[in-house]
Amino acid sequence: MKKTAIICLLVCGLVCCKNANRIVLRNKDIPEKDRNEIQAIISKVYSGFVAKDASYIKSITSKFFKTEEFGLLDTMMTFIPTGEDFSKRVVIDECLIENGKDYGTDSIESVNLNPDGYIITFEHETNPFYIYMFSVFNGGSNRILISCFFLKENGLWKLRTLFIGPYLYNGETAPQIYARAKKMSDNGNVIGSYLTMAIYSQYAIPAGPLLHYKTENASRELTDTLREKIKEKYSFPLKINDIATAPEIFSLYPQFVGNRYYPLVLYKSSVSIYDTVSLGAENKKLHKVIGEIFPGMFQFSDTIIYHVTNQPIGNAGEFKYYGFFRARE
């Protein structure tokens, strides 16, 4: 896939929001003293992630940091590549918000310089608070988003909560992935669009409830439309009677391997998975016709992953399988 440039917001000025009494400063209009304090804390948080040291992060958390969130820190740390240079982060957005109320929710929108369009949603706070979102490398052209929410307590900034989630896939944000899927759908490629939207769903919520893309409703409608079209055309398990051993395809979905996604075809075979020679011969026959079974699949990827099993495939439990990784012939 073509590598897409990383989007970085460098917006300035006062930004209005739903609460007329609230003042929102974005990026370079934030007082230098506050920006420097926040960046020093962010550096400490990131060092804790890279070092896999949760206690290092807990030392600068707010008294409002929820106990259950501490339990998630170890899991969050697994997303951060060891040795990644903090100076190579890309700042997506940062906001200093003051003069708040003590109830309800509020939101601010991205500005015209951001082609994606998103809304930052937050709870009212009586104390000033600060939102800092930045992305870091996560293999290939992929990046994750780290979103930190700070409260000012007794004159000092403290980490209130944070979110970590997939942000860029192959250089694209979720709205860009959606646009690609929509184009495929408009051109009649239902399968390629469906697989692409499955990837979209992994990148659609990079900051939990804090950030919402404006493509949410449109993407939901497209996904529902694609599911209906697939349901009309296919009935799973799909028995391939043109092959003598009649393999049964149970599902098709994208699988992340290395730094990218590939289509994964899961099917049941009457050939023993321990007879790899005969199993391979059957799989080659299936691979030759897979593009006819699922038109548009190779527009999504030139390589297909196959998982073959002899066991019944249900909604629960694990099953043994044999795998094939085949390029387009």
Protein backbone atom coordinates (compact mmCIF):
# COMPACT_ATOMS: atom_id res chain seq x y z
CA MET A 1 0.00 0.00 0.00
CA LYS A 2 1.09 3.58 -0.64
CA LYS A 3 2.55 5.30 2.39
CA THR A 4 0.53 8.32 3.52
CA ALA A 5 1.98 11.30 5.36
CA ILE A 6 1.26 11.53 9.07
CA ILE A 7 -1.25 14.22 9.98
CA CYS A 8 -0.03 16.74 12.56
CA LEU A 9 -2.17 19.63 13.82
CA LEU A 10 -0.45 22.94 14.45
CA VAL A 11 -3.49 25.08 15.14
CA CYS A 12 -3.54 28.29 17.13
CA GLY A 13 -6.00 30.67 18.74
CA LEU A 14 -8.96 30.61 21.05
CA VAL A 15 -11.46 27.89 20.25
CA CYS A 16 -15.12 28.18 21.20
CA CYS A 17 -17.07 25.28 22.68
CA LYS A 18 -20.57 24.60 23.97
CA ASN A 19 -19.94 26.29 27.34
CA ALA A 20 -19.73 30.05 26.64
CA ASN A 21 -17.89 30.61 29.95
CA ARG A 22 -15.13 28.18 29.06
CA ILE A 23 -11.81 29.31 27.59
CA VAL A 24 -9.92 26.85 25.40
CA LEU A 25 -6.34 27.50 24.35
CA ARG A 26 -4.89 25.26 21.63
CA ASN A 27 -1.27 24.40 20.96
CA LYS A 28 1.05 27.42 20.63
CA ASP A 29 -1.39 29.81 22.29
CA ILE A 30 -1.02 27.88 25.56
CA PRO A 31 1.21 29.73 28.07
CA GLU A 32 4.78 28.53 27.76
CA LYS A 33 5.02 27.77 31.49
CA ASP A 34 2.08 25.33 31.30
CA ARG A 35 3.32 23.76 28.06
CA ASN A 36 6.77 23.16 29.53
CA GLU A 37 5.33 21.63 32.72
CA ILE A 38 3.05 19.31 30.76
CA GLN A 39 5.80 18.21 28.38
CA ALA A 40 8.06 17.42 31.33
CA ILE A 41 5.34 15.21 32.83
CA ILE A 42 4.60 13.62 29.45
CA SER A 43 8.29 12.79 29.10
CA LYS A 44 8.19 11.13 32.52
CA VAL A 45 5.05 9.17 31.64
CA TYR A 46 6.59 8.00 28.38
CA SER A 47 9.84 7.01 30.11
CA GLY A 48 7.76 4.91 32.49
CA PHE A 49 6.07 3.21 29.55
CA VAL A 50 9.33 2.47 27.76
CA ALA A 51 10.89 1.17 30.98
CA LYS A 52 7.70 -0.85 31.70
CA ASP A 53 7.63 0.76 35.15
CA ALA A 54 4.05 1.46 36.28
CA SER A 55 5.19 2.87 39.66
CA TYR A 56 7.10 5.58 37.82
CA ILE A 57 3.84 6.73 36.22
CA LYS A 58 1.75 6.42 39.39
CA SER A 59 3.98 8.97 41.13
CA ILE A 60 2.60 11.82 39.03
CA THR A 61 -1.06 10.78 38.85
CA SER A 62 -3.97 12.82 40.18
CA LYS A 63 -5.84 11.86 43.34
CA PHE A 64 -8.78 11.29 40.98
CA PHE A 65 -6.92 8.66 38.96
CA LYS A 66 -9.15 5.59 39.30
CA THR A 67 -7.78 2.53 41.07
CA GLU A 68 -8.90 0.23 38.25
CA GLU A 69 -6.93 2.32 35.79
CA PHE A 70 -3.68 1.41 37.55
CA GLY A 71 -4.41 -2.20 36.67
CA LEU A 72 -4.50 -1.26 32.99
CA LEU A 73 -1.09 0.38 32.98
CA ASP A 74 0.80 -2.90 32.55
CA THR A 75 -1.42 -3.78 29.57
CA MET A 76 -0.97 -0.32 28.08
CA MET A 77 2.79 -0.65 28.33
CA THR A 78 2.79 -3.57 25.91
CA PHE A 79 1.76 -1.18 23.14
CA ILE A 80 4.84 1.04 23.52
CA PRO A 81 7.90 -0.09 21.51
CA THR A 82 10.96 -0.42 23.74
CA GLY A 83 13.62 2.12 22.85
CA GLU A 84 11.34 4.45 20.89
CA ASP A 85 12.72 8.01 21.07
CA PHE A 86 10.27 10.38 22.80
CA SER A 87 11.58 13.29 20.71
CA LYS A 88 10.15 11.58 17.61
CA ARG A 89 6.58 11.86 18.86
CA VAL A 90 4.08 13.69 16.67
CA VAL A 91 1.79 16.05 18.57
CA ILE A 92 -1.78 15.66 17.29
CA ASP A 93 -3.47 18.19 19.55
CA GLU A 94 -3.11 19.86 22.93
CA CYS A 95 -5.62 22.04 24.77
CA LEU A 96 -5.66 24.03 28.02
CA ILE A 97 -9.24 24.47 29.25
CA GLU A 98 -10.18 26.89 32.04
CA ASN A 99 -13.21 28.41 33.78
CA GLY A 100 -15.26 25.24 33.81
CA LYS A 101 -18.38 24.16 35.62
CA ASP A 102 -18.57 21.17 37.93
CA TYR A 103 -21.17 19.12 36.06
CA GLY A 104 -22.08 17.75 32.64
CA THR A 105 -20.01 17.21 29.51
CA ASP A 106 -18.61 19.53 26.89
CA SER A 107 -16.74 19.22 23.63
CA ILE A 108 -14.48 21.03 21.20
CA GLU A 109 -13.97 20.32 17.50
CA SER A 110 -10.94 20.02 15.32
CA VAL A 111 -10.31 22.93 12.99
CA ASN A 112 -10.04 23.21 9.22
CA LEU A 113 -6.34 22.30 9.14
CA ASN A 114 -7.30 18.79 10.19
CA PRO A 115 -8.68 16.83 7.20
CA ASP A 116 -10.11 14.04 9.39
CA GLY A 117 -12.49 15.99 11.57
CA TYR A 118 -12.89 14.88 15.17
CA ILE A 119 -14.58 15.98 18.37
CA ILE A 120 -12.87 15.93 21.79
CA THR A 121 -15.43 15.21 24.51
CA PHE A 122 -14.75 15.78 28.20
CA GLU A 123 -16.39 16.13 31.60
CA HIS A 124 -16.71 19.55 33.22
CA GLU A 125 -14.06 20.33 35.82
CA THR A 126 -13.85 23.30 38.20
CA ASN A 127 -10.04 23.21 38.05
CA PRO A 128 -8.11 23.98 34.83
CA PHE A 129 -7.37 20.85 32.81
CA TYR A 130 -5.11 19.98 29.93
CA ILE A 131 -5.44 17.46 27.08
CA TYR A 132 -2.30 16.30 25.28
CA MET A 133 -2.47 13.82 22.40
CA PHE A 134 0.56 12.52 20.53
CA SER A 135 1.44 9.56 18.33
CA VAL A 136 4.49 7.30 18.38
CA PHE A 137 5.90 4.71 16.00
CA ASN A 138 4.46 1.19 16.18
CA GLY A 139 6.10 -0.68 13.29
CA GLY A 140 5.99 -0.10 9.53
CA SER A 141 3.91 3.00 8.78
CA ASN A 142 1.74 2.36 11.83
CA ARG A 143 1.45 4.59 14.88
CA ILE A 144 -0.40 4.50 18.18
CA LEU A 145 -2.05 7.47 19.89
CA ILE A 146 -1.34 8.34 23.52
CA SER A 147 -3.91 10.73 24.98
CA CYS A 148 -3.32 12.24 28.41
CA PHE A 149 -5.79 14.23 30.53
CA PHE A 150 -4.33 16.42 33.31
CA LEU A 151 -5.91 18.33 36.22
CA LYS A 152 -4.30 21.23 38.06
CA GLU A 153 -4.19 20.47 41.78
CA ASN A 154 -2.66 22.92 44.28
CA GLY A 155 -0.91 24.68 41.43
CA LEU A 156 0.64 21.51 39.98
CA TRP A 157 -0.41 19.50 36.93
CA LYS A 158 -1.31 15.87 37.67
CA LEU A 159 -2.22 13.04 35.31
CA ARG A 160 -5.97 12.38 35.60
CA THR A 161 -6.38 9.62 33.03
CA LEU A 162 -4.88 8.35 29.80
CA PHE A 163 -5.79 6.31 26.75
CA ILE A 164 -3.65 4.36 24.31
CA GLY A 165 -5.00 3.07 21.01
CA PRO A 166 -4.15 2.30 17.37
CA TYR A 167 -4.02 5.56 15.40
CA LEU A 168 -2.37 5.11 12.00
CA TYR A 169 -2.47 2.01 9.84
CA ASN A 170 -0.12 2.11 6.86
CA GLY A 171 0.00 5.88 7.28
CA GLU A 172 -3.79 6.32 7.34
CA THR A 173 -6.12 7.45 10.12
CA ALA A 174 -9.55 5.87 10.55
CA PRO A 175 -11.37 8.50 8.41
CA GLN A 176 -8.87 7.93 5.59
CA ILE A 177 -9.39 4.16 5.87
CA TYR A 178 -13.14 4.78 5.75
CA ALA A 179 -12.77 6.93 2.61
CA ARG A 180 -10.85 4.13 0.91
CA ALA A 181 -13.52 1.58 1.90
CA LYS A 182 -16.29 3.89 0.68
CA LYS A 183 -14.58 4.27 -2.69
CA MET A 184 -14.29 0.48 -3.00
CA SER A 185 -17.97 0.10 -2.15
CA ASP A 186 -18.99 2.77 -4.67
CA ASN A 187 -17.00 0.86 -7.31
CA GLY A 188 -18.82 -2.39 -6.48
CA ASN A 189 -16.04 -4.06 -4.50
CA VAL A 190 -18.10 -5.31 -1.55
CA ILE A 191 -15.51 -7.78 -0.22
CA GLY A 192 -12.58 -5.36 -0.37
CA SER A 193 -14.68 -2.66 1.26
CA TYR A 194 -15.89 -5.03 3.99
CA LEU A 195 -12.33 -6.12 4.85
CA THR A 196 -11.18 -2.49 4.88
CA MET A 197 -14.01 -1.48 7.20
CA ALA A 198 -13.01 -4.30 9.54
CA ILE A 199 -9.62 -2.58 9.78
CA TYR A 200 -11.36 0.78 10.25
CA SER A 201 -13.11 -0.59 13.34
CA GLN A 202 -9.70 -1.24 14.96
CA TYR A 203 -8.63 2.40 14.50
CA ALA A 204 -11.95 4.20 14.96
CA ILE A 205 -11.60 4.82 18.71
CA PRO A 206 -7.93 5.67 19.36
CA ALA A 207 -8.63 7.59 22.57
CA GLY A 208 -11.62 5.87 24.16
CA PRO A 209 -14.47 8.28 24.90
CA LEU A 210 -12.17 11.30 24.58
CA LEU A 211 -12.01 11.49 20.78
CA HIS A 212 -14.76 10.82 18.25
CA TYR A 213 -14.26 11.03 14.49
CA LYS A 214 -16.97 12.74 12.48
CA THR A 215 -17.11 9.68 10.22
CA GLU A 216 -18.69 7.56 13.00
CA ASN A 217 -22.27 7.63 11.70
CA ALA A 218 -21.31 7.28 8.04
CA SER A 219 -18.98 4.38 8.81
CA ARG A 220 -21.69 2.62 10.80
CA GLU A 221 -24.11 2.97 7.88
CA LEU A 222 -21.53 1.66 5.40
CA THR A 223 -20.72 -1.34 7.62
CA ASP A 224 -24.41 -2.21 7.97
CA THR A 225 -24.91 -1.93 4.21
CA LEU A 226 -21.93 -4.17 3.47
CA ARG A 227 -23.10 -6.79 5.96
CA GLU A 228 -26.51 -6.91 4.31
CA LYS A 229 -24.98 -7.28 0.85
CA ILE A 230 -22.71 -10.11 2.02
CA LYS A 231 -25.60 -11.79 3.81
CA GLU A 232 -27.64 -11.68 0.59
CA LYS A 233 -24.86 -13.22 -1.50
CA TYR A 234 -23.23 -15.71 0.88
CA SER A 235 -24.51 -18.33 3.29
CA PHE A 236 -21.83 -19.55 5.67
CA PRO A 237 -20.52 -22.17 5.95
CA LEU A 238 -19.89 -21.93 2.22
CA LYS A 239 -19.33 -25.35 0.68
CA ILE A 240 -17.06 -25.33 -2.38
CA ASN A 241 -18.47 -28.22 -4.40
CA ASP A 242 -16.26 -27.49 -7.44
CA ILE A 243 -13.40 -29.02 -5.46
CA ALA A 244 -13.65 -32.80 -4.97
CA THR A 245 -12.96 -32.64 -1.22
CA ALA A 246 -15.65 -29.91 -0.83
CA PRO A 247 -13.97 -27.62 1.74
CA GLU A 248 -16.35 -25.45 3.78
CA ILE A 249 -15.48 -21.79 4.28
CA PHE A 250 -16.68 -20.50 7.63
CA SER A 251 -15.38 -16.97 7.71
CA LEU A 252 -13.33 -14.26 6.05
CA TYR A 253 -11.72 -11.47 8.05
CA PRO A 254 -8.50 -9.41 8.14
CA GLN A 255 -5.62 -10.78 10.22
CA PHE A 256 -2.74 -8.60 11.47
CA VAL A 257 0.64 -10.20 10.79
CA GLY A 258 3.92 -8.33 11.15
CA ASN A 259 2.99 -4.72 10.41
CA ARG A 260 -0.04 -5.17 8.14
CA TYR A 261 -3.38 -6.89 7.59
CA TYR A 262 -4.07 -9.82 5.28
CA PRO A 263 -7.37 -11.54 4.42
CA LEU A 264 -7.74 -14.75 6.43
CA VAL A 265 -9.95 -17.51 5.09
CA LEU A 266 -10.98 -20.02 7.75
CA TYR A 267 -12.29 -23.31 6.39
CA LYS A 268 -12.97 -26.88 7.39
CA SER A 269 -11.51 -29.72 5.35
CA SER A 270 -12.20 -33.45 5.11
CA VAL A 271 -8.47 -33.90 4.46
CA SER A 272 -6.49 -34.51 7.65
CA ILE A 273 -4.47 -31.49 8.71
CA TYR A 274 -1.66 -33.93 9.48
CA ASP A 275 -1.55 -35.02 5.81
CA THR A 276 0.09 -31.78 4.77
CA VAL A 277 0.80 -32.92 1.21
CA SER A 278 -2.84 -33.68 0.40
CA LEU A 279 -3.96 -30.67 2.42
CA GLY A 280 -1.61 -28.44 0.43
CA ALA A 281 -2.95 -29.81 -2.86
CA GLU A 282 -6.52 -29.02 -1.78
CA ASN A 283 -5.51 -25.54 -0.64
CA LYS A 284 -3.87 -24.76 -3.98
CA LYS A 285 -7.13 -25.63 -5.73
CA LEU A 286 -9.05 -23.38 -3.38
CA HIS A 287 -6.55 -20.57 -3.82
CA LYS A 288 -7.01 -20.69 -7.61
CA VAL A 289 -10.71 -19.95 -7.30
CA ILE A 290 -10.78 -17.77 -4.17
CA GLY A 291 -10.81 -14.60 -6.24
CA GLU A 292 -13.93 -15.84 -8.04
CA ILE A 293 -15.61 -16.80 -4.76
CA PHE A 294 -14.80 -13.43 -3.19
CA PRO A 295 -14.43 -10.90 -6.03
CA GLY A 296 -12.32 -7.90 -5.08
CA MET A 297 -10.32 -9.72 -2.40
CA PHE A 298 -7.06 -9.23 -4.28
CA GLN A 299 -7.68 -5.50 -4.47
CA PHE A 300 -7.41 -5.61 -0.69
CA SER A 301 -4.26 -7.74 -0.64
CA ASP A 302 -2.14 -9.81 -3.04
CA THR A 303 -1.52 -12.37 -0.31
CA ILE A 304 -4.07 -14.56 1.47
CA ILE A 305 -3.80 -16.45 4.77
CA TYR A 306 -5.64 -19.77 5.12
CA HIS A 307 -6.40 -21.58 8.35
CA VAL A 308 -7.62 -25.15 7.82
CA THR A 309 -9.19 -27.34 10.48
CA ASN A 310 -10.88 -30.73 10.73
CA GLN A 311 -12.91 -29.79 13.78
CA PRO A 312 -16.39 -28.28 13.96
CA ILE A 313 -16.14 -24.50 14.09
CA GLY A 314 -18.39 -22.90 16.67
CA ASN A 315 -18.55 -19.72 18.67
CA ALA A 316 -16.57 -21.03 21.61
CA GLY A 317 -13.43 -23.00 22.27
CA GLU A 318 -10.15 -23.42 20.42
CA PHE A 319 -9.46 -25.71 17.51
CA LYS A 320 -6.36 -27.09 15.85
CA TYR A 321 -5.56 -25.79 12.41
CA TYR A 322 -2.89 -25.81 9.72
CA GLY A 323 -1.95 -22.57 8.02
CA PHE A 324 -1.03 -21.51 4.50
CA PHE A 325 0.27 -18.17 3.32
CA ARG A 326 -0.24 -17.78 -0.43
CA ALA A 327 0.51 -14.97 -2.87
CA ARG A 328 -1.68 -14.19 -5.84
CA GLU A 329 -0.89 -16.42 -8.81
